[in-house]
N, C-alpha and C. Protein backbone atom coordinates (compact mmCIF):
# COMPACT_ATOMS: atom_id res chain seq x y z
N SER A 1 -2.67 8.01 -12.02
CA SER A 1 -2.30 7.23 -11.25
C SER A 1 -0.58 7.89 -10.45
N LEU A 2 -0.14 8.46 -11.19
CA LEU A 2 1.33 8.81 -11.01
C LEU A 2 1.36 9.60 -9.74
N LEU A 3 0.03 10.78 -9.95
CA LEU A 3 0.11 11.77 -8.98
C LEU A 3 -0.32 11.08 -7.70
N ILE A 4 -1.53 10.25 -7.77
CA ILE A 4 -1.80 9.58 -6.58
C ILE A 4 -0.65 8.91 -6.10
N GLU A 5 0.10 8.15 -6.59
CA GLU A 5 1.29 7.34 -6.18
C GLU A 5 2.35 8.03 -5.69
N LEU A 6 2.63 9.02 -6.01
CA LEU A 6 3.34 10.25 -5.70
C LEU A 6 3.26 10.84 -4.30
N THR A 7 2.10 10.65 -3.99
CA THR A 7 1.36 10.90 -2.74
C THR A 7 1.93 10.74 -1.55
N PRO A 8 2.44 10.95 -0.78
CA PRO A 8 2.60 10.06 0.45
C PRO A 8 1.46 9.13 1.14
N GLY A 9 1.83 8.14 1.56
CA GLY A 9 0.67 7.31 2.31
C GLY A 9 1.65 6.06 2.51
N PRO A 10 0.76 5.38 3.40
CA PRO A 10 1.33 4.48 4.11
C PRO A 10 2.17 3.21 3.46
N ASN A 11 2.26 2.85 2.20
CA ASN A 11 3.06 2.38 1.42
C ASN A 11 4.43 2.73 1.26
N MET A 12 4.43 4.04 0.70
CA MET A 12 5.80 4.76 1.00
C MET A 12 6.55 4.71 2.08
N ALA A 13 5.63 5.04 3.06
CA ALA A 13 6.82 4.69 4.52
C ALA A 13 7.04 3.72 4.56
N TRP A 14 6.61 2.93 4.97
CA TRP A 14 6.37 1.29 5.12
C TRP A 14 7.29 0.63 4.15
N LEU A 15 7.59 0.94 3.21
CA LEU A 15 8.26 0.18 2.19
C LEU A 15 9.76 1.11 2.35
N ALA A 16 10.03 2.14 2.50
CA ALA A 16 10.88 2.68 2.51
C ALA A 16 11.81 2.60 4.02
N ALA A 17 10.92 2.33 5.15
CA ALA A 17 11.43 1.81 6.61
C ALA A 17 11.68 0.28 6.31
N LEU A 18 10.98 -0.65 5.58
CA LEU A 18 11.48 -2.17 5.64
C LEU A 18 12.66 -2.20 4.61
N ALA A 19 13.01 -1.37 3.51
CA ALA A 19 14.20 -1.40 2.73
C ALA A 19 15.42 -0.99 3.65
N LEU A 20 14.91 -0.05 4.31
CA LEU A 20 16.01 0.54 5.34
C LEU A 20 16.46 -0.48 6.33
N SER A 21 15.64 -1.03 6.89
CA SER A 21 15.67 -1.97 8.17
C SER A 21 16.08 -3.43 7.50
N ARG A 22 15.65 -3.85 6.37
CA ARG A 22 15.70 -5.32 6.22
C ARG A 22 16.53 -5.74 4.97
N GLY A 23 16.47 -4.36 3.89
CA GLY A 23 17.17 -4.72 2.93
C GLY A 23 16.31 -4.49 1.62
N ARG A 24 16.94 -4.50 0.42
CA ARG A 24 16.01 -4.82 -0.99
C ARG A 24 15.32 -5.80 -1.12
N ARG A 25 15.91 -7.00 -0.80
CA ARG A 25 15.01 -8.12 -1.02
C ARG A 25 13.87 -8.29 -0.55
N PRO A 26 13.50 -8.46 0.69
CA PRO A 26 12.41 -8.27 1.46
C PRO A 26 11.47 -7.07 0.93
N ALA A 27 12.28 -5.95 0.93
CA ALA A 27 11.09 -4.75 0.64
C ALA A 27 10.70 -5.21 -1.26
N LEU A 28 11.12 -5.82 -1.67
CA LEU A 28 10.73 -5.75 -2.89
C LEU A 28 9.79 -7.22 -3.13
N ILE A 29 9.70 -7.80 -2.16
CA ILE A 29 8.73 -8.82 -2.11
C ILE A 29 7.51 -8.43 -1.27
N ALA A 30 7.75 -7.34 -0.41
CA ALA A 30 6.41 -6.65 -0.46
C ALA A 30 5.86 -5.49 -1.19
N VAL A 31 6.73 -5.12 -2.48
CA VAL A 31 6.06 -4.37 -3.37
C VAL A 31 5.35 -5.44 -4.01
N ALA A 32 5.83 -6.50 -4.13
CA ALA A 32 4.97 -7.70 -4.72
C ALA A 32 3.56 -8.12 -4.04
N GLY A 33 3.44 -8.13 -2.93
CA GLY A 33 2.45 -7.91 -2.03
C GLY A 33 1.43 -6.85 -2.35
N VAL A 34 2.39 -5.55 -2.45
CA VAL A 34 1.35 -4.49 -2.46
C VAL A 34 0.49 -4.46 -3.81
N ALA A 35 1.30 -5.02 -5.00
CA ALA A 35 0.54 -5.05 -6.45
C ALA A 35 -0.05 -6.15 -6.20
N THR A 36 0.01 -7.07 -5.74
CA THR A 36 -1.03 -8.22 -5.69
C THR A 36 -2.51 -7.53 -4.80
N GLY A 37 -2.29 -6.99 -4.02
CA GLY A 37 -3.43 -6.53 -3.06
C GLY A 37 -4.25 -5.79 -4.15
N LEU A 38 -3.59 -4.53 -4.54
CA LEU A 38 -4.25 -3.84 -5.63
C LEU A 38 -5.00 -4.12 -6.85
N THR A 39 -4.01 -5.46 -7.53
CA THR A 39 -4.63 -5.92 -8.71
C THR A 39 -6.15 -6.57 -7.79
N PHE A 40 -5.93 -7.27 -6.71
CA PHE A 40 -7.21 -7.88 -6.22
C PHE A 40 -8.38 -6.92 -6.00
N LEU A 41 -8.00 -5.84 -5.37
CA LEU A 41 -8.86 -4.90 -5.23
C LEU A 41 -9.71 -4.21 -6.71
N GLY A 42 -8.93 -4.14 -7.54
CA GLY A 42 -9.28 -3.64 -8.85
C GLY A 42 -10.18 -4.74 -9.28
N LEU A 43 -9.56 -5.95 -9.05
CA LEU A 43 -10.87 -7.16 -9.70
C LEU A 43 -11.92 -6.71 -9.06
N LEU A 44 -11.88 -7.02 -7.75
CA LEU A 44 -13.00 -6.68 -6.83
C LEU A 44 -14.07 -5.80 -7.22
N ALA A 45 -13.42 -4.43 -7.48
CA ALA A 45 -14.36 -3.48 -7.69
C ALA A 45 -15.18 -3.63 -9.47
N ALA A 46 -14.36 -4.20 -10.47
CA ALA A 46 -14.50 -4.60 -11.83
C ALA A 46 -15.76 -5.26 -11.66
N LEU A 47 -15.81 -6.32 -10.46
CA LEU A 47 -16.92 -7.18 -10.32
C LEU A 47 -18.13 -6.73 -9.53
N GLY A 48 -17.63 -5.39 -8.99
CA GLY A 48 -18.97 -4.87 -8.52
C GLY A 48 -18.73 -4.99 -6.84
N LEU A 49 -18.05 -5.55 -6.10
CA LEU A 49 -17.86 -5.79 -4.79
C LEU A 49 -17.48 -4.34 -4.24
N GLY A 50 -16.55 -3.95 -4.89
CA GLY A 50 -16.21 -2.53 -3.99
C GLY A 50 -17.66 -1.81 -3.85
N ALA A 51 -18.23 -1.79 -4.77
CA ALA A 51 -19.87 -1.21 -4.40
C ALA A 51 -20.47 -1.22 -3.40
N LEU A 52 -20.52 -2.75 -3.24
CA LEU A 52 -20.87 -3.10 -2.26
C LEU A 52 -20.77 -2.82 -0.82
N ILE A 53 -19.10 -2.86 -0.97
CA ILE A 53 -18.53 -2.47 0.36
C ILE A 53 -18.75 -0.70 0.84
N ALA A 54 -18.69 -0.13 -0.17
CA ALA A 54 -18.97 1.46 0.21
C ALA A 54 -20.39 1.62 -0.01
N SER A 55 -21.47 0.69 -0.21
CA SER A 55 -22.71 0.97 0.17
C SER A 55 -22.85 0.53 1.57
N SER A 56 -22.14 -0.45 2.16
CA SER A 56 -22.57 -1.17 3.50
C SER A 56 -21.39 -0.30 4.75
N PRO A 57 -22.09 0.49 5.26
CA PRO A 57 -21.50 1.38 6.22
C PRO A 57 -21.09 -0.13 7.65
N TRP A 58 -21.27 -0.75 8.06
CA TRP A 58 -20.80 -1.51 8.77
C TRP A 58 -19.52 -2.42 8.25
N LEU A 59 -19.79 -2.83 6.88
CA LEU A 59 -18.52 -3.43 6.14
C LEU A 59 -17.42 -2.36 5.85
N TYR A 60 -17.88 -1.73 5.40
CA TYR A 60 -16.58 -0.08 5.34
C TYR A 60 -15.92 -0.12 6.54
N GLN A 61 -16.73 0.02 7.92
CA GLN A 61 -16.09 0.85 9.15
C GLN A 61 -15.28 -0.64 9.55
N THR A 62 -15.57 -1.89 9.36
CA THR A 62 -14.79 -2.75 9.81
C THR A 62 -13.56 -2.96 9.13
N ILE A 63 -13.62 -2.77 7.73
CA ILE A 63 -12.70 -2.61 7.19
C ILE A 63 -11.26 -1.43 7.42
N ARG A 64 -12.01 -0.47 7.62
CA ARG A 64 -11.31 0.39 7.73
C ARG A 64 -10.60 0.29 9.31
N SER A 65 -11.32 0.04 9.93
CA SER A 65 -10.74 -0.29 11.54
C SER A 65 -9.79 -1.25 11.46
N LEU A 66 -9.96 -2.38 10.56
CA LEU A 66 -9.09 -3.30 10.66
C LEU A 66 -7.55 -2.81 9.60
N GLY A 67 -8.03 -1.85 9.00
CA GLY A 67 -7.01 -1.24 8.23
C GLY A 67 -6.07 -0.24 9.04
N PHE A 68 -6.70 0.53 9.99
CA PHE A 68 -5.99 1.44 10.64
C PHE A 68 -5.26 1.07 11.80
N LEU A 69 -5.67 -0.35 12.50
CA LEU A 69 -4.95 -1.21 13.11
C LEU A 69 -4.00 -1.87 12.63
N TYR A 70 -3.64 -2.36 11.22
CA TYR A 70 -2.79 -3.21 10.62
C TYR A 70 -1.43 -2.02 10.41
N LEU A 71 -2.38 -0.75 10.15
CA LEU A 71 -1.12 0.32 10.03
C LEU A 71 -0.25 0.35 11.35
N LEU A 72 -1.02 0.48 12.43
CA LEU A 72 -0.22 0.58 13.63
C LEU A 72 0.41 -0.47 13.99
N TYR A 73 0.40 -1.78 13.50
CA TYR A 73 0.92 -2.99 13.83
C TYR A 73 2.29 -2.68 12.89
N LEU A 74 1.92 -2.35 11.90
CA LEU A 74 3.24 -1.70 10.92
C LEU A 74 4.18 -0.83 11.48
N ALA A 75 3.60 0.12 11.95
CA ALA A 75 4.49 1.21 12.66
C ALA A 75 5.55 0.59 13.78
N TRP A 76 4.28 -0.34 14.71
CA TRP A 76 5.50 -1.41 15.65
C TRP A 76 6.46 -1.83 14.88
N GLU A 77 6.19 -2.71 14.22
CA GLU A 77 7.09 -3.52 13.32
C GLU A 77 8.13 -2.52 12.67
N THR A 78 8.20 -1.74 12.41
CA THR A 78 8.96 -0.66 11.63
C THR A 78 9.99 -0.08 12.80
N TRP A 79 9.11 0.69 14.40
CA TRP A 79 9.91 0.80 15.40
C TRP A 79 11.01 0.06 15.81
N LYS A 80 10.43 -1.41 16.06
CA LYS A 80 11.46 -2.16 16.90
C LYS A 80 12.26 -2.50 16.18
N PRO A 81 13.73 -3.05 16.47
CA PRO A 81 14.57 -3.92 15.86
C PRO A 81 14.35 -4.74 15.23
N PRO A 82 14.75 -4.54 13.57
CA PRO A 82 14.46 -5.99 12.58
C PRO A 82 14.87 -7.12 13.25
N GLU A 83 13.97 -8.04 12.97
CA GLU A 83 14.32 -9.26 13.17
C GLU A 83 14.49 -10.23 11.78
N ALA A 84 15.14 -11.10 11.83
CA ALA A 84 15.44 -12.02 10.66
C ALA A 84 14.38 -12.20 9.96
N GLU A 85 14.36 -11.73 8.51
CA GLU A 85 13.42 -12.13 7.43
C GLU A 85 13.19 -13.46 7.49
N ASP A 86 12.51 -14.29 7.08
CA ASP A 86 11.75 -15.66 6.64
C ASP A 86 12.55 -15.64 5.64
N GLU A 87 12.78 -16.73 5.16
CA GLU A 87 13.70 -16.95 3.99
C GLU A 87 12.92 -16.95 2.44
N GLY A 88 11.73 -16.95 2.61
CA GLY A 88 11.06 -16.83 1.76
C GLY A 88 10.22 -15.75 1.36
N GLY A 89 10.22 -14.76 2.35
CA GLY A 89 9.59 -13.40 2.32
C GLY A 89 8.33 -13.64 2.24
N PHE A 90 7.67 -14.59 2.64
CA PHE A 90 6.40 -14.59 2.99
C PHE A 90 5.66 -13.49 3.93
N GLY A 91 6.39 -13.28 5.15
CA GLY A 91 5.85 -11.93 5.77
C GLY A 91 5.91 -10.94 5.08
N SER A 92 7.00 -10.54 4.46
CA SER A 92 6.89 -8.98 3.48
C SER A 92 5.98 -9.43 2.66
N PHE A 93 5.80 -10.12 1.92
CA PHE A 93 4.65 -10.23 1.10
C PHE A 93 3.36 -10.23 1.73
N ARG A 94 2.92 -10.67 2.88
CA ARG A 94 1.38 -10.89 3.67
C ARG A 94 1.67 -9.45 3.88
N ASP A 95 2.26 -8.53 4.29
CA ASP A 95 2.07 -7.56 4.82
C ASP A 95 1.88 -6.51 4.02
N GLY A 96 2.84 -6.63 2.61
CA GLY A 96 2.20 -5.80 1.28
C GLY A 96 0.94 -5.99 1.08
N LEU A 97 0.40 -6.89 0.89
CA LEU A 97 -0.68 -7.60 0.55
C LEU A 97 -1.98 -6.92 1.67
N MET A 98 -1.64 -7.17 2.62
CA MET A 98 -2.61 -6.82 3.87
C MET A 98 -2.52 -5.49 3.91
N THR A 99 -1.68 -4.46 3.63
CA THR A 99 -2.12 -2.93 3.75
C THR A 99 -3.11 -2.21 2.61
N ASN A 100 -2.91 -3.29 1.67
CA ASN A 100 -3.84 -2.75 0.54
C ASN A 100 -5.29 -3.29 0.68
N LEU A 101 -5.40 -4.81 1.27
CA LEU A 101 -6.53 -5.34 1.47
C LEU A 101 -7.37 -4.61 2.15
N LEU A 102 -6.68 -3.99 3.14
CA LEU A 102 -7.54 -3.59 4.41
C LEU A 102 -8.00 -1.83 4.05
N ASN A 103 -7.47 -1.59 3.23
CA ASN A 103 -7.55 -0.23 2.69
C ASN A 103 -8.42 0.34 1.85
N PRO A 104 -9.92 0.63 2.63
CA PRO A 104 -11.00 1.05 1.87
C PRO A 104 -10.90 2.09 0.91
N LYS A 105 -9.86 2.85 1.48
CA LYS A 105 -9.89 4.03 0.18
C LYS A 105 -9.07 3.58 -1.04
N ALA A 106 -8.21 2.48 -1.29
CA ALA A 106 -7.70 1.91 -2.50
C ALA A 106 -9.01 1.34 -3.35
N GLY A 107 -9.76 0.70 -2.53
CA GLY A 107 -10.90 0.48 -3.27
C GLY A 107 -11.85 1.33 -3.69
N LEU A 108 -12.06 2.35 -3.00
CA LEU A 108 -12.93 3.47 -3.34
C LEU A 108 -12.28 4.56 -4.80
N PHE A 109 -10.99 4.25 -4.26
CA PHE A 109 -10.22 5.04 -5.60
C PHE A 109 -10.69 4.24 -7.30
N TYR A 110 -11.25 3.34 -7.04
CA TYR A 110 -11.17 2.26 -8.02
C TYR A 110 -12.62 2.09 -8.32
N LEU A 111 -13.26 2.77 -7.63
CA LEU A 111 -15.06 3.10 -7.74
C LEU A 111 -15.08 4.83 -8.32
N ALA A 112 -14.45 5.38 -7.67
CA ALA A 112 -14.58 7.03 -7.81
C ALA A 112 -13.86 7.20 -9.20
N VAL A 113 -12.25 6.75 -9.06
CA VAL A 113 -11.55 7.47 -10.43
C VAL A 113 -11.66 6.68 -11.40
N LEU A 114 -11.79 5.67 -11.75
CA LEU A 114 -11.89 4.64 -12.97
C LEU A 114 -12.84 4.62 -13.58
N PRO A 115 -14.23 4.83 -13.10
CA PRO A 115 -15.13 4.63 -14.11
C PRO A 115 -15.07 6.10 -15.11
N ALA A 116 -14.73 7.01 -14.64
CA ALA A 116 -14.40 8.32 -15.37
C ALA A 116 -13.65 8.09 -16.96
N PHE A 117 -12.98 7.20 -16.55
CA PHE A 117 -11.92 6.70 -17.88
C PHE A 117 -12.77 5.63 -18.91
N LEU A 118 -13.93 4.98 -18.38
CA LEU A 118 -14.25 3.75 -19.17
C LEU A 118 -15.62 4.55 -20.23
N ASP A 119 -15.87 3.78 -21.14
CA ASP A 119 -16.57 4.44 -22.84
C ASP A 119 -16.88 3.49 -22.98
N PRO A 120 -18.21 3.01 -22.78
CA PRO A 120 -18.99 2.17 -23.11
C PRO A 120 -19.15 2.00 -24.60
N GLY A 121 -18.93 2.81 -25.29
CA GLY A 121 -18.97 2.98 -26.88
C GLY A 121 -17.68 2.54 -27.45
N ARG A 122 -16.68 2.39 -26.55
CA ARG A 122 -15.57 1.82 -27.19
C ARG A 122 -14.97 0.12 -27.21
N GLY A 123 -16.19 -0.24 -26.42
CA GLY A 123 -16.24 -1.67 -26.57
C GLY A 123 -16.62 -2.37 -25.02
N ALA A 124 -15.95 -3.37 -24.66
CA ALA A 124 -16.36 -4.10 -23.58
C ALA A 124 -16.01 -3.44 -22.49
N VAL A 125 -16.54 -3.00 -21.44
CA VAL A 125 -16.49 -1.94 -19.98
C VAL A 125 -15.62 -3.08 -19.30
N MET A 126 -15.65 -4.41 -19.35
CA MET A 126 -14.91 -5.22 -18.17
C MET A 126 -13.22 -5.04 -18.84
N ALA A 127 -13.07 -5.14 -19.96
CA ALA A 127 -11.83 -5.38 -20.54
C ALA A 127 -11.23 -3.79 -20.51
N GLN A 128 -11.81 -2.92 -20.91
CA GLN A 128 -11.41 -1.48 -20.67
C GLN A 128 -10.88 -1.29 -18.71
N THR A 129 -11.81 -1.61 -18.03
CA THR A 129 -11.47 -1.71 -16.41
C THR A 129 -10.20 -2.55 -16.20
N LEU A 130 -10.27 -3.72 -16.58
CA LEU A 130 -9.04 -4.63 -16.53
C LEU A 130 -7.61 -3.87 -16.97
N ILE A 131 -7.89 -3.44 -18.12
CA ILE A 131 -7.01 -2.36 -19.00
C ILE A 131 -6.27 -1.49 -17.78
N LEU A 132 -7.39 -0.59 -17.25
CA LEU A 132 -6.93 0.49 -17.01
C LEU A 132 -6.26 -0.17 -15.08
N VAL A 133 -6.86 -1.06 -14.36
CA VAL A 133 -6.67 -1.73 -13.01
C VAL A 133 -4.88 -1.85 -13.47
N ALA A 134 -4.39 -2.60 -14.36
CA ALA A 134 -3.24 -3.12 -15.15
C ALA A 134 -2.75 -1.57 -14.89
N ALA A 135 -2.83 -0.82 -15.54
CA ALA A 135 -2.07 0.42 -16.07
C ALA A 135 -1.64 1.02 -14.30
N TYR A 136 -2.75 0.99 -13.57
CA TYR A 136 -2.33 1.96 -12.55
C TYR A 136 -1.76 0.66 -11.31
N VAL A 137 -1.72 -0.58 -11.56
CA VAL A 137 -0.94 -1.27 -10.53
C VAL A 137 0.56 -1.08 -11.00
N ALA A 138 0.69 -1.10 -12.48
CA ALA A 138 2.02 -1.07 -12.96
C ALA A 138 2.50 0.26 -12.58
N VAL A 139 2.12 1.58 -12.63
CA VAL A 139 2.47 2.89 -12.19
C VAL A 139 2.95 2.90 -10.54
N ALA A 140 1.80 1.91 -9.79
CA ALA A 140 2.12 1.94 -8.34
C ALA A 140 3.42 1.12 -8.09
N THR A 141 3.43 -0.07 -8.85
CA THR A 141 4.46 -1.19 -8.90
C THR A 141 6.17 -0.40 -9.09
N ILE A 142 5.91 0.46 -10.13
CA ILE A 142 7.11 1.33 -10.64
C ILE A 142 7.56 2.18 -9.42
N ILE A 143 6.65 2.70 -8.41
CA ILE A 143 6.77 4.07 -7.72
C ILE A 143 7.46 3.22 -6.57
N HIS A 144 6.63 2.22 -6.07
CA HIS A 144 7.12 1.58 -5.02
C HIS A 144 8.29 0.87 -4.97
N ALA A 145 8.63 0.52 -6.26
CA ALA A 145 9.92 -0.23 -6.52
C ALA A 145 11.19 0.72 -6.24
N GLY A 146 11.07 2.26 -7.12
CA GLY A 146 11.96 2.93 -6.76
C GLY A 146 12.38 3.41 -5.65
N ILE A 147 11.16 3.77 -4.93
CA ILE A 147 11.49 3.88 -3.40
C ILE A 147 12.21 2.81 -2.59
N VAL A 148 11.87 1.43 -2.92
CA VAL A 148 12.59 0.46 -2.20
C VAL A 148 14.34 0.38 -2.78
N ILE A 149 14.41 0.73 -4.15
CA ILE A 149 15.53 0.79 -4.65
C ILE A 149 16.38 2.15 -4.15
N PHE A 150 15.84 3.03 -3.97
CA PHE A 150 16.27 4.16 -3.09
C PHE A 150 16.95 4.25 -1.97
N ALA A 151 16.07 3.81 -1.23
CA ALA A 151 15.94 3.59 0.56
C ALA A 151 17.11 2.32 0.51
N SER A 152 17.00 1.34 -0.47
CA SER A 152 18.04 0.27 0.26
C SER A 152 19.56 0.74 -0.32
N THR A 153 19.47 1.47 -1.29
CA THR A 153 21.05 1.82 -1.85
C THR A 153 21.56 2.99 -0.79
N ALA A 154 20.51 3.57 -0.06
CA ALA A 154 21.22 4.80 0.85
C ALA A 154 21.37 3.96 2.43
N ARG A 155 20.75 2.95 2.35
CA ARG A 155 20.96 2.04 3.59
C ARG A 155 22.63 1.79 3.88
N GLY A 156 23.31 1.68 3.18
CA GLY A 156 24.69 1.17 3.64
C GLY A 156 25.49 2.43 3.82
N ALA A 157 25.23 3.63 3.77
CA ALA A 157 25.95 5.28 4.05
C ALA A 157 24.98 5.29 5.52
N LEU A 158 23.65 5.09 5.21
CA LEU A 158 23.17 5.66 6.63
C LEU A 158 23.93 4.68 7.79
N GLU A 159 23.97 3.66 7.42
CA GLU A 159 24.17 2.36 8.58
C GLU A 159 25.57 2.74 9.04
N ARG A 160 26.32 2.90 8.32
CA ARG A 160 27.84 3.23 8.75
C ARG A 160 27.44 4.86 9.59
N LYS A 161 26.78 5.62 9.40
CA LYS A 161 26.95 6.73 9.94
C LYS A 161 25.81 6.70 11.39
N GLY A 162 25.72 5.41 11.47
CA GLY A 162 24.53 5.30 12.62
C GLY A 162 23.40 5.94 12.65
N TYR A 163 22.56 6.15 11.60
CA TYR A 163 21.17 6.63 11.43
C TYR A 163 19.97 5.92 11.23
N ILE A 164 20.24 4.52 10.95
CA ILE A 164 19.20 3.71 10.61
C ILE A 164 18.18 3.64 11.50
N SER A 165 18.69 3.48 12.82
CA SER A 165 17.91 3.21 13.58
C SER A 165 16.70 4.38 14.15
N VAL A 166 17.21 6.17 14.04
CA VAL A 166 16.78 7.35 14.13
C VAL A 166 15.50 7.29 12.81
N ILE A 167 16.46 7.27 11.60
CA ILE A 167 15.32 6.96 10.38
C ILE A 167 13.94 6.06 10.83
N ARG A 168 14.47 4.77 11.07
CA ARG A 168 13.64 3.90 11.07
C ARG A 168 12.39 4.23 12.16
N LYS A 169 12.84 4.99 13.06
CA LYS A 169 12.07 5.44 14.28
C LYS A 169 10.95 6.74 13.78
N GLY A 170 11.44 7.33 12.97
CA GLY A 170 11.21 8.22 12.26
C GLY A 170 10.11 7.81 11.49
N LEU A 171 10.34 6.98 10.38
CA LEU A 171 9.60 6.45 9.81
C LEU A 171 8.24 5.75 10.22
N ALA A 172 8.39 4.89 11.58
CA ALA A 172 7.25 4.46 12.40
C ALA A 172 6.30 5.33 12.77
N LEU A 173 6.98 6.53 13.54
CA LEU A 173 6.21 7.75 13.63
C LEU A 173 5.43 8.28 12.82
N GLY A 174 6.04 8.42 11.57
CA GLY A 174 5.38 8.59 9.94
C GLY A 174 3.91 8.01 9.66
N LEU A 175 4.37 6.51 10.26
CA LEU A 175 3.21 5.44 9.78
C LEU A 175 2.22 5.79 11.08
N VAL A 176 2.09 6.32 12.22
CA VAL A 176 1.35 6.25 13.27
C VAL A 176 0.63 7.33 12.67
N ALA A 177 1.46 8.58 12.21
CA ALA A 177 0.46 9.54 11.56
C ALA A 177 -0.57 9.30 10.19
N VAL A 178 0.23 8.44 9.44
CA VAL A 178 -0.48 7.90 8.59
C VAL A 178 -1.81 7.33 8.69
N ALA A 179 -1.61 6.48 9.64
CA ALA A 179 -2.61 5.73 10.27
C ALA A 179 -3.98 6.59 10.98
N LEU A 180 -3.36 7.83 11.66
CA LEU A 180 -4.39 8.58 11.94
C LEU A 180 -4.99 9.35 11.05
N TRP A 181 -4.06 9.95 9.72
CA TRP A 181 -4.88 10.52 9.00
C TRP A 181 -5.85 9.57 8.27
N PHE A 182 -5.47 8.71 8.04
CA PHE A 182 -6.29 7.40 7.31
C PHE A 182 -7.38 7.21 8.09
N LEU A 183 -7.60 7.13 8.99
CA LEU A 183 -8.41 6.86 10.04
C LEU A 183 -9.53 8.46 10.00
N TRP A 184 -9.10 9.30 10.04
CA TRP A 184 -9.53 10.73 9.87
C TRP A 184 -10.13 10.72 8.43
N SER A 185 -9.39 10.68 7.58
CA SER A 185 -9.88 10.90 6.20
C SER A 185 -11.18 9.92 5.19
N SER A 186 -10.70 8.39 6.11
CA SER A 186 -11.88 7.87 5.61
C SER A 186 -12.99 7.62 6.13
N ARG A 187 -13.56 8.53 7.09
CA ARG A 187 -14.65 8.14 7.80
C ARG A 187 -15.77 8.51 7.15
N GLN A 188 -16.90 8.25 7.15
CA GLN A 188 -17.98 8.33 6.26
C GLN A 188 -19.01 9.33 6.88
N PRO A 189 -19.70 10.28 6.31
CA PRO A 189 -20.43 11.24 6.84
C PRO A 189 -21.66 10.42 7.36
């Protein structure tokens, strides 16, 4: 889990950009959305719905395409000057949630990696699955919160030097690159 979460991906770039442009609070709310999305995908995989998505080319391609488009939307939101965040942070939460719900690779992780750690001889497989999902989400949340705290801490110094806009645009271009990589790497043969 730690190695997978330390690998650069859409959550990292987007959360860093969000923390730099809007601050710690909206970005931590987005981390909660990401964690909720990962938890939901883990539960779907535990119930067998992830296998259904993986076995349905049409459904997989639809989710994959929507995920690609959503990453482009987040890149655009990162590129343009930040707007005032809604008081409740719903927009940040929603974006964090959607980046994971529209990511078939996150769901396939649960299908491809998680089963290797299940042992029917050690008790209820569903309970084991839920524990592993919780552990994965906890590791992911710690990494994502760390990125947010680091980026939001650096925000003040970067603003004083006038670098925020340049870094935000660089991260937006990075999100476009991640979206293209996502589209390429998630294609099915």
